[in-house]
Structure formats: structure tokens, C-alpha cells
Amino acid sequence: MDFRIRDARVSDAPFIAWSMCEASRGHLPRGFWDVMCGRDEAACLKWLELMARGDTRAWTSYAGFMVADVDGRAVAALEGFDPRTATNEILTAAINQATRDMGWGDDEIVRIYNRFLPLLSCTHEYQREAWIVENVATRAEWRRKGLSGALLEKILQRGREHRRSLAQLTVLIGNDPAIRTYEKHGFTIVAEKRSAEFETALGAPGMYKMTCRL
């Protein structure tokens, strides 16, 4: 199978939105973004697409992503970023702007963050010196064909080019296929967080933090 790995373009924003949504779900029917959005999948994807297209260069922007193309169609994606520049403050600005652009209003912004609170108990802080890998997702029909592995190698090389010596990612506890893929590329589990409120909201007991040397 021939495929091409390239940097994402703004025209990839709908696929990037799908990738973010799918990656947050892992092995579950609903993920972080579904819970935060509190609406149906179509609304969630449109909301994420606005973040992907937006001027605010948060880690939700298409600009940090790489995609794998098969016959000109994007079928897999991931991103890498430096947490010193893609800060939580920038992410908050991107979420707020996309929410307003959806016409949902400032009251809904408050509700979005309130829905996120149970999930906050199992999030891992980014190590400032690390290269962060997020939003790894592949269309179902293209899984187990080496695309995620090829993308991982490319994004880890980009981390080296940014003079990072460590890569970090997080993964849902129970998402064993993803964990095996990351371990194959040098990642090891270094920490975990579990909470009952996280499991009630999402369906997984918590999150692993994984790192690898670059």
C-alpha cells in the first residue's frame, strides 16, 4: 500500500476535527470532546473544525498536525507540539472563540468547562521540556496497516528537530491496542491517574502517562 505523510493544511480541518474526536474516545463510545460539547456528534465535529481552522494557534489547530494520505485522501493523523508555546491559555482562547462562533454564547462556555471538571481529575500535566504527542487517530478501514507507526516516527523526528529529548503522551487506561503501538515505538508507562468521577463521566478508570527518549 502506498501512502504519503505530509503536514496538514487548513483544508484538512474537517478530518482534523474527526481525528481529535476519535482520539479522545480511544476504545470508548464517547470521549473528552463529546462530554465537553454536550451535544450530538455533528455539532461536536463542527465545533472542533472551528478550532482546527481558527487563528488561535492552540494545539487544536491544523498547523501542528501531520496526516497520512492514501490516494489523495487523509486517512490518519496525529500532532506534536511544544507545551511552552501551545499553552493552556491559548487552548482556552480557542475553545471560547469556537463556542462563540457556533452561536452558543458565554453561558455555554461556563457549562462546557463544568462538564470537563470530572475529567480533570485524571489529566496529566505536560512536562515543559517534553515534545507532546496528541490526537493519534486512523480511519477504521486503514488500521493495522502501519500508518500510525509511520506517523509516530515522523512526529518524533520533528521533536528531535525542535531539540526536545523526551516525548510525552497520554492514553486511556484500557486502550490496549494504542498502548501496544506506543510501546513498540519506545514509549513506556511512567504514571497513572484514576478516579471514580472520571470513570462515571467517561467509562474508563483513568489515564496513563507515557514517555520515550528522543
N, C-alpha and C. Protein backbone atom coordinates (compact mmCIF):
# COMPACT_ATOMS: atom_id res chain seq x y z
N MET A 1 0.84 -1.20 0.00
CA MET A 1 0.00 0.00 0.00
C MET A 1 0.87 1.24 0.00
N ASP A 2 0.60 2.16 -0.91
CA ASP A 2 1.34 3.41 -0.98
C ASP A 2 0.61 4.49 -0.19
N PHE A 3 1.36 5.21 0.63
CA PHE A 3 0.79 6.34 1.33
C PHE A 3 1.85 7.43 1.44
N ARG A 4 1.37 8.63 1.70
CA ARG A 4 2.25 9.79 1.81
C ARG A 4 1.97 10.50 3.11
N ILE A 5 3.01 10.85 3.84
CA ILE A 5 2.87 11.62 5.06
C ILE A 5 3.23 13.07 4.76
N ARG A 6 2.37 13.98 5.19
CA ARG A 6 2.57 15.40 4.90
C ARG A 6 2.04 16.22 6.07
N ASP A 7 2.42 17.49 6.08
CA ASP A 7 1.85 18.43 7.04
C ASP A 7 0.40 18.70 6.68
N ALA A 8 -0.43 18.85 7.70
CA ALA A 8 -1.84 19.15 7.46
C ALA A 8 -2.00 20.55 6.87
N ARG A 9 -3.07 20.72 6.10
CA ARG A 9 -3.45 22.01 5.53
C ARG A 9 -4.78 22.44 6.11
N VAL A 10 -5.11 23.70 5.95
CA VAL A 10 -6.38 24.18 6.50
C VAL A 10 -7.55 23.43 5.88
N SER A 11 -7.41 22.96 4.64
CA SER A 11 -8.48 22.19 4.01
C SER A 11 -8.70 20.84 4.67
N ASP A 12 -7.75 20.41 5.50
CA ASP A 12 -7.89 19.16 6.25
C ASP A 12 -8.70 19.35 7.54
N ALA A 13 -9.16 20.56 7.82
CA ALA A 13 -9.80 20.84 9.11
C ALA A 13 -10.93 19.87 9.46
N PRO A 14 -11.81 19.49 8.52
CA PRO A 14 -12.85 18.51 8.90
C PRO A 14 -12.26 17.18 9.35
N PHE A 15 -11.19 16.73 8.68
CA PHE A 15 -10.56 15.47 9.09
C PHE A 15 -9.82 15.62 10.41
N ILE A 16 -9.19 16.77 10.62
CA ILE A 16 -8.53 17.03 11.90
C ILE A 16 -9.56 17.01 13.03
N ALA A 17 -10.72 17.59 12.79
CA ALA A 17 -11.80 17.57 13.80
C ALA A 17 -12.18 16.14 14.13
N TRP A 18 -12.36 15.32 13.09
CA TRP A 18 -12.69 13.91 13.33
C TRP A 18 -11.57 13.23 14.12
N SER A 19 -10.33 13.51 13.78
CA SER A 19 -9.19 12.89 14.46
C SER A 19 -9.17 13.24 15.94
N MET A 20 -9.40 14.52 16.27
CA MET A 20 -9.42 14.92 17.67
C MET A 20 -10.53 14.21 18.43
N CYS A 21 -11.70 14.14 17.82
CA CYS A 21 -12.84 13.49 18.46
C CYS A 21 -12.57 12.00 18.65
N GLU A 22 -12.10 11.35 17.60
CA GLU A 22 -11.84 9.91 17.64
C GLU A 22 -10.73 9.57 18.63
N ALA A 23 -9.66 10.37 18.63
CA ALA A 23 -8.55 10.11 19.53
C ALA A 23 -8.98 10.23 20.99
N SER A 24 -9.85 11.19 21.28
CA SER A 24 -10.29 11.36 22.67
C SER A 24 -11.18 10.21 23.13
N ARG A 25 -11.80 9.51 22.19
CA ARG A 25 -12.65 8.37 22.55
C ARG A 25 -11.83 7.12 22.81
N GLY A 26 -10.74 6.95 22.08
CA GLY A 26 -9.96 5.73 22.25
C GLY A 26 -10.81 4.50 21.97
N HIS A 27 -10.96 3.64 22.96
CA HIS A 27 -11.74 2.41 22.83
C HIS A 27 -13.17 2.59 23.33
N LEU A 28 -13.56 3.84 23.65
CA LEU A 28 -14.86 4.11 24.25
C LEU A 28 -15.82 4.74 23.23
N PRO A 29 -17.13 4.68 23.49
CA PRO A 29 -18.08 5.30 22.56
C PRO A 29 -18.10 6.82 22.62
N ARG A 30 -17.69 7.38 23.79
CA ARG A 30 -17.66 8.83 23.95
C ARG A 30 -16.32 9.23 24.54
N GLY A 31 -15.84 10.42 24.15
CA GLY A 31 -14.56 10.90 24.63
C GLY A 31 -14.66 12.26 25.29
N PHE A 32 -13.49 12.83 25.56
CA PHE A 32 -13.40 14.14 26.22
C PHE A 32 -14.25 15.18 25.51
N TRP A 33 -14.08 15.27 24.20
CA TRP A 33 -14.76 16.35 23.46
C TRP A 33 -16.26 16.13 23.45
N ASP A 34 -16.72 14.89 23.35
CA ASP A 34 -18.16 14.62 23.41
C ASP A 34 -18.74 15.12 24.73
N VAL A 35 -18.03 14.81 25.83
CA VAL A 35 -18.52 15.21 27.15
C VAL A 35 -18.54 16.73 27.28
N MET A 36 -17.45 17.37 26.87
CA MET A 36 -17.38 18.83 26.98
C MET A 36 -18.44 19.50 26.13
N CYS A 37 -18.61 19.03 24.89
CA CYS A 37 -19.56 19.65 23.98
C CYS A 37 -20.99 19.48 24.46
N GLY A 38 -21.32 18.27 24.90
CA GLY A 38 -22.66 18.02 25.42
C GLY A 38 -23.74 17.99 24.37
N ARG A 39 -23.36 17.85 23.11
CA ARG A 39 -24.33 17.79 22.01
C ARG A 39 -24.07 16.56 21.16
N ASP A 40 -24.77 16.46 20.02
CA ASP A 40 -24.58 15.29 19.17
C ASP A 40 -23.25 15.37 18.43
N GLU A 41 -22.90 14.29 17.75
CA GLU A 41 -21.60 14.20 17.10
C GLU A 41 -21.42 15.26 16.02
N ALA A 42 -22.45 15.55 15.26
CA ALA A 42 -22.34 16.55 14.19
C ALA A 42 -21.96 17.91 14.76
N ALA A 43 -22.60 18.30 15.86
CA ALA A 43 -22.28 19.59 16.48
C ALA A 43 -20.87 19.58 17.05
N CYS A 44 -20.48 18.46 17.65
CA CYS A 44 -19.14 18.34 18.22
C CYS A 44 -18.08 18.47 17.13
N LEU A 45 -18.29 17.81 16.00
CA LEU A 45 -17.32 17.88 14.91
C LEU A 45 -17.23 19.27 14.31
N LYS A 46 -18.35 19.96 14.18
CA LYS A 46 -18.33 21.33 13.66
C LYS A 46 -17.58 22.25 14.61
N TRP A 47 -17.81 22.09 15.90
CA TRP A 47 -17.13 22.86 16.94
C TRP A 47 -15.62 22.65 16.87
N LEU A 48 -15.20 21.38 16.74
CA LEU A 48 -13.78 21.07 16.64
C LEU A 48 -13.18 21.58 15.34
N GLU A 49 -13.97 21.55 14.26
CA GLU A 49 -13.47 22.08 13.00
C GLU A 49 -13.18 23.57 13.10
N LEU A 50 -14.02 24.30 13.81
CA LEU A 50 -13.76 25.72 14.01
C LEU A 50 -12.46 25.94 14.78
N MET A 51 -12.19 25.08 15.77
CA MET A 51 -10.91 25.18 16.48
C MET A 51 -9.74 24.86 15.55
N ALA A 52 -9.92 23.85 14.70
CA ALA A 52 -8.85 23.46 13.79
C ALA A 52 -8.55 24.56 12.78
N ARG A 53 -9.57 25.29 12.35
CA ARG A 53 -9.39 26.36 11.36
C ARG A 53 -8.98 27.69 11.99
N GLY A 54 -9.19 27.84 13.27
CA GLY A 54 -9.11 29.15 13.92
C GLY A 54 -7.75 29.80 13.88
N ASP A 55 -7.74 31.11 14.06
CA ASP A 55 -6.49 31.88 14.08
C ASP A 55 -5.67 31.62 15.33
N THR A 56 -6.35 31.21 16.41
CA THR A 56 -5.64 30.93 17.66
C THR A 56 -4.84 29.65 17.49
N ARG A 57 -3.51 29.74 17.62
CA ARG A 57 -2.66 28.58 17.34
C ARG A 57 -2.50 27.70 18.58
N ALA A 58 -3.63 27.18 19.04
CA ALA A 58 -3.62 26.20 20.12
C ALA A 58 -3.24 24.85 19.54
N TRP A 59 -3.12 23.83 20.40
CA TRP A 59 -2.81 22.51 19.85
C TRP A 59 -4.01 21.90 19.14
N THR A 60 -5.15 22.57 19.14
CA THR A 60 -6.29 22.15 18.34
C THR A 60 -6.20 22.64 16.90
N SER A 61 -5.21 23.45 16.57
CA SER A 61 -5.05 23.98 15.21
C SER A 61 -4.49 22.92 14.27
N TYR A 62 -4.94 22.96 13.03
CA TYR A 62 -4.42 22.05 12.00
C TYR A 62 -2.91 22.18 11.84
N ALA A 63 -2.35 23.34 12.22
CA ALA A 63 -0.95 23.65 11.92
C ALA A 63 0.03 22.70 12.60
N GLY A 64 -0.37 22.06 13.69
CA GLY A 64 0.54 21.14 14.38
C GLY A 64 0.42 19.69 13.94
N PHE A 65 -0.47 19.42 13.00
CA PHE A 65 -0.78 18.04 12.62
C PHE A 65 0.01 17.57 11.41
N MET A 66 0.22 16.26 11.37
CA MET A 66 0.64 15.54 10.17
C MET A 66 -0.47 14.57 9.81
N VAL A 67 -0.63 14.33 8.52
CA VAL A 67 -1.63 13.36 8.07
C VAL A 67 -0.98 12.36 7.13
N ALA A 68 -1.60 11.19 7.06
CA ALA A 68 -1.21 10.18 6.08
C ALA A 68 -2.28 10.14 4.99
N ASP A 69 -1.84 10.30 3.75
CA ASP A 69 -2.71 10.28 2.58
C ASP A 69 -2.63 8.93 1.89
N VAL A 70 -3.77 8.40 1.49
CA VAL A 70 -3.83 7.25 0.59
C VAL A 70 -4.69 7.66 -0.60
N ASP A 71 -4.09 7.65 -1.77
CA ASP A 71 -4.80 8.08 -2.99
C ASP A 71 -5.41 9.47 -2.83
N GLY A 72 -4.66 10.35 -2.18
CA GLY A 72 -5.10 11.73 -2.03
C GLY A 72 -6.11 11.97 -0.93
N ARG A 73 -6.43 10.95 -0.16
CA ARG A 73 -7.41 11.08 0.92
C ARG A 73 -6.70 10.92 2.25
N ALA A 74 -6.91 11.87 3.17
CA ALA A 74 -6.34 11.79 4.50
C ALA A 74 -7.06 10.70 5.29
N VAL A 75 -6.29 9.73 5.80
CA VAL A 75 -6.91 8.60 6.50
C VAL A 75 -6.35 8.40 7.91
N ALA A 76 -5.29 9.11 8.25
CA ALA A 76 -4.72 9.00 9.60
C ALA A 76 -4.05 10.33 9.94
N ALA A 77 -3.97 10.63 11.24
CA ALA A 77 -3.38 11.90 11.66
C ALA A 77 -2.85 11.79 13.07
N LEU A 78 -1.97 12.71 13.40
CA LEU A 78 -1.54 12.95 14.77
C LEU A 78 -0.92 14.34 14.80
N GLU A 79 -0.53 14.77 16.00
CA GLU A 79 0.15 16.05 16.10
C GLU A 79 1.25 15.99 17.14
N GLY A 80 2.17 16.95 17.03
CA GLY A 80 3.21 17.13 18.03
C GLY A 80 3.37 18.61 18.30
N PHE A 81 3.65 18.96 19.57
CA PHE A 81 3.79 20.38 19.89
C PHE A 81 4.65 20.57 21.12
N ASP A 82 5.15 21.79 21.24
CA ASP A 82 5.95 22.21 22.39
C ASP A 82 5.00 22.84 23.40
N PRO A 83 4.88 22.30 24.61
CA PRO A 83 3.91 22.85 25.57
C PRO A 83 4.28 24.23 26.09
N ARG A 84 5.50 24.67 25.82
CA ARG A 84 5.89 26.01 26.26
C ARG A 84 5.25 27.08 25.39
N THR A 85 4.88 26.72 24.17
CA THR A 85 4.25 27.69 23.27
C THR A 85 2.76 27.40 23.07
N ALA A 86 2.36 26.13 23.03
CA ALA A 86 0.94 25.77 22.92
C ALA A 86 0.39 25.60 24.32
N THR A 87 0.12 26.71 24.97
CA THR A 87 -0.23 26.70 26.39
C THR A 87 -1.73 26.46 26.61
N ASN A 88 -2.07 26.17 27.87
CA ASN A 88 -3.49 26.01 28.22
C ASN A 88 -4.28 27.30 28.02
N GLU A 89 -3.62 28.43 28.20
CA GLU A 89 -4.30 29.72 27.99
C GLU A 89 -4.70 29.89 26.53
N ILE A 90 -3.82 29.48 25.62
CA ILE A 90 -4.14 29.56 24.19
C ILE A 90 -5.25 28.58 23.85
N LEU A 91 -5.21 27.39 24.44
CA LEU A 91 -6.27 26.42 24.20
C LEU A 91 -7.61 26.96 24.68
N THR A 92 -7.64 27.56 25.85
CA THR A 92 -8.89 28.14 26.37
C THR A 92 -9.44 29.19 25.42
N ALA A 93 -8.55 30.03 24.89
CA ALA A 93 -8.99 31.05 23.94
C ALA A 93 -9.58 30.42 22.69
N ALA A 94 -8.99 29.32 22.21
CA ALA A 94 -9.51 28.64 21.02
C ALA A 94 -10.88 28.04 21.29
N ILE A 95 -11.05 27.40 22.43
CA ILE A 95 -12.34 26.81 22.79
C ILE A 95 -13.41 27.90 22.91
N ASN A 96 -13.06 28.99 23.58
CA ASN A 96 -14.03 30.08 23.77
C ASN A 96 -14.45 30.68 22.44
N GLN A 97 -13.47 30.90 21.55
CA GLN A 97 -13.80 31.50 20.25
C GLN A 97 -14.68 30.58 19.42
N ALA A 98 -14.34 29.29 19.38
CA ALA A 98 -15.15 28.35 18.61
C ALA A 98 -16.57 28.26 19.16
N THR A 99 -16.70 28.31 20.47
CA THR A 99 -18.02 28.24 21.09
C THR A 99 -18.86 29.46 20.70
N ARG A 100 -18.25 30.63 20.72
CA ARG A 100 -18.98 31.84 20.30
C ARG A 100 -19.32 31.78 18.82
N ASP A 101 -18.37 31.26 18.00
CA ASP A 101 -18.63 31.16 16.56
C ASP A 101 -19.77 30.18 16.25
N MET A 102 -19.98 29.23 17.14
CA MET A 102 -21.12 28.32 16.98
C MET A 102 -22.43 28.99 17.37
N GLY A 103 -22.35 30.18 17.98
CA GLY A 103 -23.53 30.90 18.41
C GLY A 103 -24.09 30.42 19.73
N TRP A 104 -23.26 29.75 20.53
CA TRP A 104 -23.75 29.17 21.77
C TRP A 104 -23.71 30.13 22.95
N GLY A 105 -22.88 31.16 22.89
CA GLY A 105 -22.90 32.19 23.92
C GLY A 105 -22.00 31.88 25.10
N ASP A 106 -21.77 32.93 25.91
CA ASP A 106 -20.85 32.81 27.03
C ASP A 106 -21.37 31.91 28.15
N ASP A 107 -22.68 31.82 28.32
CA ASP A 107 -23.23 30.91 29.33
C ASP A 107 -22.84 29.47 29.01
N GLU A 108 -22.83 29.14 27.72
CA GLU A 108 -22.47 27.77 27.33
C GLU A 108 -20.98 27.51 27.57
N ILE A 109 -20.14 28.53 27.45
CA ILE A 109 -18.72 28.36 27.76
C ILE A 109 -18.56 27.87 29.20
N VAL A 110 -19.30 28.46 30.11
CA VAL A 110 -19.24 28.04 31.52
C VAL A 110 -19.68 26.59 31.66
N ARG A 111 -20.76 26.21 30.97
CA ARG A 111 -21.25 24.84 31.06
C ARG A 111 -20.25 23.84 30.48
N ILE A 112 -19.56 24.24 29.41
CA ILE A 112 -18.55 23.37 28.80
C ILE A 112 -17.45 23.03 29.81
N TYR A 113 -16.95 24.04 30.49
CA TYR A 113 -15.88 23.78 31.46
C TYR A 113 -16.40 23.03 32.68
N ASN A 114 -17.64 23.25 33.06
CA ASN A 114 -18.21 22.48 34.16
C ASN A 114 -18.33 21.00 33.80
N ARG A 115 -18.67 20.72 32.53
CA ARG A 115 -18.75 19.32 32.10
C ARG A 115 -17.37 18.67 32.07
N PHE A 116 -16.34 19.50 31.90
CA PHE A 116 -14.98 18.97 31.85
C PHE A 116 -14.40 18.65 33.23
N LEU A 117 -14.95 19.25 34.28
CA LEU A 117 -14.37 19.13 35.62
C LEU A 117 -14.16 17.68 36.08
N PRO A 118 -15.12 16.77 35.87
CA PRO A 118 -14.88 15.39 36.32
C PRO A 118 -13.70 14.73 35.60
N LEU A 119 -13.39 15.18 34.38
CA LEU A 119 -12.30 14.59 33.61
C LEU A 119 -10.95 15.15 34.02
N LEU A 120 -10.96 16.32 34.63
CA LEU A 120 -9.72 16.99 35.02
C LEU A 120 -8.96 16.18 36.06
N SER A 121 -9.67 15.34 36.80
CA SER A 121 -9.03 14.57 37.88
C SER A 121 -7.99 13.59 37.36
N CYS A 122 -8.04 13.23 36.08
CA CYS A 122 -7.11 12.23 35.54
C CYS A 122 -6.23 12.77 34.41
N THR A 123 -6.23 14.07 34.20
CA THR A 123 -5.33 14.63 33.19
C THR A 123 -3.93 14.76 33.78
N HIS A 124 -2.92 14.59 32.93
CA HIS A 124 -1.53 14.69 33.34
C HIS A 124 -0.93 16.00 32.84
N GLU A 125 -0.21 16.66 33.70
CA GLU A 125 0.46 17.90 33.30
C GLU A 125 1.53 17.59 32.25
N TYR A 126 1.66 18.51 31.30
CA TYR A 126 2.73 18.37 30.32
C TYR A 126 4.07 18.75 30.95
N GLN A 127 5.10 17.95 30.72
CA GLN A 127 6.44 18.32 31.14
C GLN A 127 6.95 19.38 30.18
N ARG A 128 7.40 20.49 30.72
CA ARG A 128 7.77 21.64 29.88
C ARG A 128 8.89 21.31 28.89
N GLU A 129 9.76 20.38 29.27
CA GLU A 129 10.88 20.06 28.39
C GLU A 129 10.53 19.00 27.34
N ALA A 130 9.29 18.48 27.39
CA ALA A 130 8.91 17.37 26.52
C ALA A 130 8.33 17.85 25.18
N TRP A 131 8.35 16.95 24.23
CA TRP A 131 7.63 17.10 22.96
C TRP A 131 6.34 16.29 23.12
N ILE A 132 5.20 16.97 22.99
CA ILE A 132 3.92 16.35 23.30
C ILE A 132 3.30 15.76 22.02
N VAL A 133 2.88 14.52 22.11
CA VAL A 133 2.19 13.83 21.01
C VAL A 133 0.73 13.67 21.43
N GLU A 134 -0.17 14.08 20.54
CA GLU A 134 -1.61 14.01 20.85
C GLU A 134 -2.39 13.63 19.59
N ASN A 135 -3.65 13.26 19.81
CA ASN A 135 -4.65 13.13 18.75
C ASN A 135 -4.23 12.16 17.65
N VAL A 136 -3.81 10.97 18.07
CA VAL A 136 -3.44 9.91 17.14
C VAL A 136 -4.70 9.15 16.74
N ALA A 137 -5.05 9.17 15.46
CA ALA A 137 -6.28 8.51 15.01
C ALA A 137 -6.15 8.06 13.57
N THR A 138 -6.77 6.92 13.26
CA THR A 138 -6.77 6.35 11.91
C THR A 138 -8.18 5.87 11.58
N ARG A 139 -8.62 6.12 10.37
CA ARG A 139 -9.91 5.60 9.93
C ARG A 139 -9.94 4.08 10.10
N ALA A 140 -11.09 3.55 10.49
CA ALA A 140 -11.19 2.13 10.86
C ALA A 140 -10.69 1.20 9.75
N GLU A 141 -11.01 1.52 8.50
CA GLU A 141 -10.65 0.62 7.41
C GLU A 141 -9.16 0.64 7.08
N TRP A 142 -8.41 1.59 7.67
CA TRP A 142 -6.98 1.71 7.39
C TRP A 142 -6.12 1.37 8.61
N ARG A 143 -6.73 0.82 9.64
CA ARG A 143 -5.96 0.44 10.83
C ARG A 143 -5.18 -0.86 10.59
N ARG A 144 -4.13 -1.03 11.40
CA ARG A 144 -3.26 -2.21 11.33
C ARG A 144 -2.56 -2.33 9.98
N LYS A 145 -2.27 -1.19 9.38
CA LYS A 145 -1.52 -1.15 8.12
C LYS A 145 -0.23 -0.33 8.24
N GLY A 146 0.14 0.01 9.47
CA GLY A 146 1.40 0.71 9.69
C GLY A 146 1.34 2.22 9.60
N LEU A 147 0.17 2.79 9.41
CA LEU A 147 0.08 4.24 9.22
C LEU A 147 0.39 4.98 10.52
N SER A 148 -0.19 4.55 11.63
CA SER A 148 0.06 5.26 12.90
C SER A 148 1.52 5.15 13.29
N GLY A 149 2.14 4.00 13.04
CA GLY A 149 3.55 3.86 13.35
C GLY A 149 4.42 4.77 12.52
N ALA A 150 4.12 4.88 11.23
CA ALA A 150 4.88 5.77 10.36
C ALA A 150 4.72 7.22 10.78
N LEU A 151 3.49 7.60 11.14
CA LEU A 151 3.25 8.96 11.61
C LEU A 151 3.99 9.22 12.92
N LEU A 152 3.99 8.25 13.82
CA LEU A 152 4.69 8.42 15.09
C LEU A 152 6.17 8.68 14.86
N GLU A 153 6.78 7.90 13.97
CA GLU A 153 8.21 8.09 13.71
C GLU A 153 8.48 9.49 13.17
N LYS A 154 7.62 9.97 12.29
CA LYS A 154 7.79 11.32 11.72
C LYS A 154 7.64 12.40 12.78
N ILE A 155 6.64 12.25 13.65
CA ILE A 155 6.41 13.30 14.64
C ILE A 155 7.48 13.27 15.73
N LEU A 156 8.02 12.10 16.03
CA LEU A 156 9.11 12.04 17.00
C LEU A 156 10.38 12.67 16.42
N GLN A 157 10.59 12.47 15.13
CA GLN A 157 11.73 13.13 14.49
C GLN A 157 11.57 14.64 14.53
N ARG A 158 10.36 15.11 14.37
CA ARG A 158 10.13 16.56 14.47
C ARG A 158 10.45 17.06 15.88
N GLY A 159 10.14 16.26 16.87
CA GLY A 159 10.52 16.62 18.24
C GLY A 159 12.02 16.76 18.39
N ARG A 160 12.77 15.85 17.78
CA ARG A 160 14.23 15.95 17.83
C ARG A 160 14.70 17.23 17.13
N GLU A 161 14.06 17.56 16.03
CA GLU A 161 14.43 18.79 15.31
C GLU A 161 14.16 20.03 16.15
N HIS A 162 13.19 19.93 17.06
CA HIS A 162 12.91 21.03 17.99
C HIS A 162 13.77 20.94 19.25
N ARG A 163 14.77 20.07 19.21
CA ARG A 163 15.74 19.91 20.30
C ARG A 163 15.10 19.43 21.60
N ARG A 164 14.03 18.66 21.47
CA ARG A 164 13.44 18.01 22.63
C ARG A 164 14.14 16.67 22.84
N SER A 165 14.34 16.26 24.07
CA SER A 165 14.99 14.98 24.37
C SER A 165 14.00 13.95 24.92
N LEU A 166 12.76 14.35 25.11
CA LEU A 166 11.74 13.48 25.68
C LEU A 166 10.41 13.73 24.97
N ALA A 167 9.69 12.66 24.68
CA ALA A 167 8.32 12.77 24.15
C ALA A 167 7.34 12.27 25.20
N GLN A 168 6.16 12.87 25.23
CA GLN A 168 5.13 12.51 26.21
C GLN A 168 3.78 12.41 25.52
N LEU A 169 2.99 11.43 25.96
CA LEU A 169 1.60 11.33 25.52
C LEU A 169 0.77 10.77 26.66
N THR A 170 -0.55 10.86 26.50
CA THR A 170 -1.46 10.23 27.46
C THR A 170 -2.41 9.31 26.71
N VAL A 171 -2.86 8.28 27.40
CA VAL A 171 -3.74 7.29 26.77
C VAL A 171 -4.69 6.77 27.84
N LEU A 172 -5.91 6.48 27.42
CA LEU A 172 -6.91 5.94 28.34
C LEU A 172 -6.50 4.57 28.84
N ILE A 173 -6.63 4.34 30.12
CA ILE A 173 -6.42 3.01 30.68
C ILE A 173 -7.47 2.07 30.07
N GLY A 174 -7.00 0.97 29.51
CA GLY A 174 -7.90 0.04 28.83
C GLY A 174 -7.80 0.09 27.33
N ASN A 175 -7.14 1.12 26.78
CA ASN A 175 -6.97 1.21 25.33
C ASN A 175 -5.72 0.43 24.94
N ASP A 176 -5.79 -0.88 25.05
CA ASP A 176 -4.62 -1.73 24.90
C ASP A 176 -3.99 -1.70 23.51
N PRO A 177 -4.77 -1.66 22.41
CA PRO A 177 -4.12 -1.58 21.09
C PRO A 177 -3.24 -0.34 20.94
N ALA A 178 -3.73 0.81 21.43
CA ALA A 178 -2.94 2.03 21.35
C ALA A 178 -1.69 1.92 22.21
N ILE A 179 -1.83 1.36 23.41
CA ILE A 179 -0.69 1.22 24.31
C ILE A 179 0.39 0.34 23.67
N ARG A 180 -0.02 -0.75 23.04
CA ARG A 180 0.95 -1.63 22.38
C ARG A 180 1.68 -0.91 21.25
N THR A 181 0.95 -0.10 20.49
CA THR A 181 1.59 0.66 19.41
C THR A 181 2.62 1.63 19.97
N TYR A 182 2.27 2.34 21.02
CA TYR A 182 3.21 3.29 21.61
C TYR A 182 4.42 2.59 22.20
N GLU A 183 4.21 1.44 22.83
CA GLU A 183 5.34 0.69 23.39
C GLU A 183 6.28 0.22 22.28
N LYS A 184 5.72 -0.15 21.15
CA LYS A 184 6.53 -0.59 20.02
C LYS A 184 7.46 0.52 19.53
N HIS A 185 7.06 1.76 19.77
CA HIS A 185 7.86 2.91 19.31
C HIS A 185 8.62 3.57 20.46
N GLY A 186 8.82 2.84 21.55
CA GLY A 186 9.72 3.28 22.60
C GLY A 186 9.08 3.92 23.81
N PHE A 187 7.76 4.07 23.83
CA PHE A 187 7.09 4.68 24.98
C PHE A 187 6.91 3.65 26.10
N THR A 188 7.00 4.13 27.32
CA THR A 188 6.70 3.31 28.49
C THR A 188 5.76 4.07 29.41
N ILE A 189 4.95 3.33 30.15
CA ILE A 189 4.04 3.94 31.13
C ILE A 189 4.87 4.39 32.33
N VAL A 190 4.74 5.67 32.68
CA VAL A 190 5.52 6.22 33.79
C VAL A 190 4.63 6.73 34.93
N ALA A 191 3.34 6.88 34.68
CA ALA A 191 2.43 7.37 35.73
C ALA A 191 1.00 7.03 35.33
N GLU A 192 0.13 7.00 36.31
CA GLU A 192 -1.29 6.81 36.03
C GLU A 192 -2.11 7.61 37.03
N LYS A 193 -3.29 8.01 36.59
CA LYS A 193 -4.25 8.66 37.45
C LYS A 193 -5.60 7.99 37.25
N ARG A 194 -6.26 7.69 38.37
CA ARG A 194 -7.57 7.04 38.34
C ARG A 194 -8.52 7.80 39.26
N SER A 195 -9.79 7.84 38.90
CA SER A 195 -10.78 8.41 39.80
C SER A 195 -12.16 7.89 39.45
N ALA A 196 -13.01 7.79 40.46
CA ALA A 196 -14.37 7.30 40.25
C ALA A 196 -15.18 8.28 39.41
N GLU A 197 -14.97 9.59 39.60
CA GLU A 197 -15.76 10.58 38.85
C GLU A 197 -15.36 10.57 37.37
N PHE A 198 -14.10 10.32 37.08
CA PHE A 198 -13.65 10.19 35.70
C PHE A 198 -14.33 8.98 35.06
N GLU A 199 -14.33 7.86 35.76
CA GLU A 199 -14.93 6.64 35.20
C GLU A 199 -16.43 6.80 35.00
N THR A 200 -17.09 7.50 35.90
CA THR A 200 -18.53 7.73 35.73
C THR A 200 -18.81 8.59 34.51
N ALA A 201 -17.99 9.60 34.29
CA ALA A 201 -18.22 10.53 33.17
C ALA A 201 -17.86 9.93 31.82
N LEU A 202 -16.80 9.08 31.80
CA LEU A 202 -16.26 8.66 30.50
C LEU A 202 -16.36 7.16 30.27
N GLY A 203 -16.19 6.37 31.33
CA GLY A 203 -16.28 4.93 31.16
C GLY A 203 -14.96 4.19 31.29
N ALA A 204 -13.85 4.91 31.44
CA ALA A 204 -12.54 4.30 31.69
C ALA A 204 -12.09 4.70 33.08
N PRO A 205 -11.28 3.87 33.73
CA PRO A 205 -10.89 4.19 35.11
C PRO A 205 -9.93 5.36 35.24
N GLY A 206 -9.27 5.75 34.15
CA GLY A 206 -8.33 6.85 34.24
C GLY A 206 -7.42 6.94 33.03
N MET A 207 -6.26 7.56 33.22
CA MET A 207 -5.33 7.83 32.13
C MET A 207 -3.91 7.42 32.53
N TYR A 208 -3.19 6.85 31.56
CA TYR A 208 -1.77 6.62 31.71
C TYR A 208 -0.99 7.80 31.09
N LYS A 209 0.15 8.10 31.67
CA LYS A 209 1.14 8.98 31.05
C LYS A 209 2.26 8.09 30.54
N MET A 210 2.66 8.29 29.28
CA MET A 210 3.73 7.52 28.67
C MET A 210 4.80 8.49 28.16
N THR A 211 6.06 8.08 28.24
CA THR A 211 7.15 8.90 27.72
C THR A 211 8.14 8.02 26.96
N CYS A 212 8.93 8.66 26.11
CA CYS A 212 10.05 7.98 25.48
C CYS A 212 11.18 8.96 25.26
N ARG A 213 12.42 8.47 25.25
CA ARG A 213 13.57 9.31 24.98
C ARG A 213 13.67 9.55 23.47
N LEU A 214 14.06 10.75 23.11
CA LEU A 214 14.23 11.10 21.69
C LEU A 214 15.71 11.14 21.32
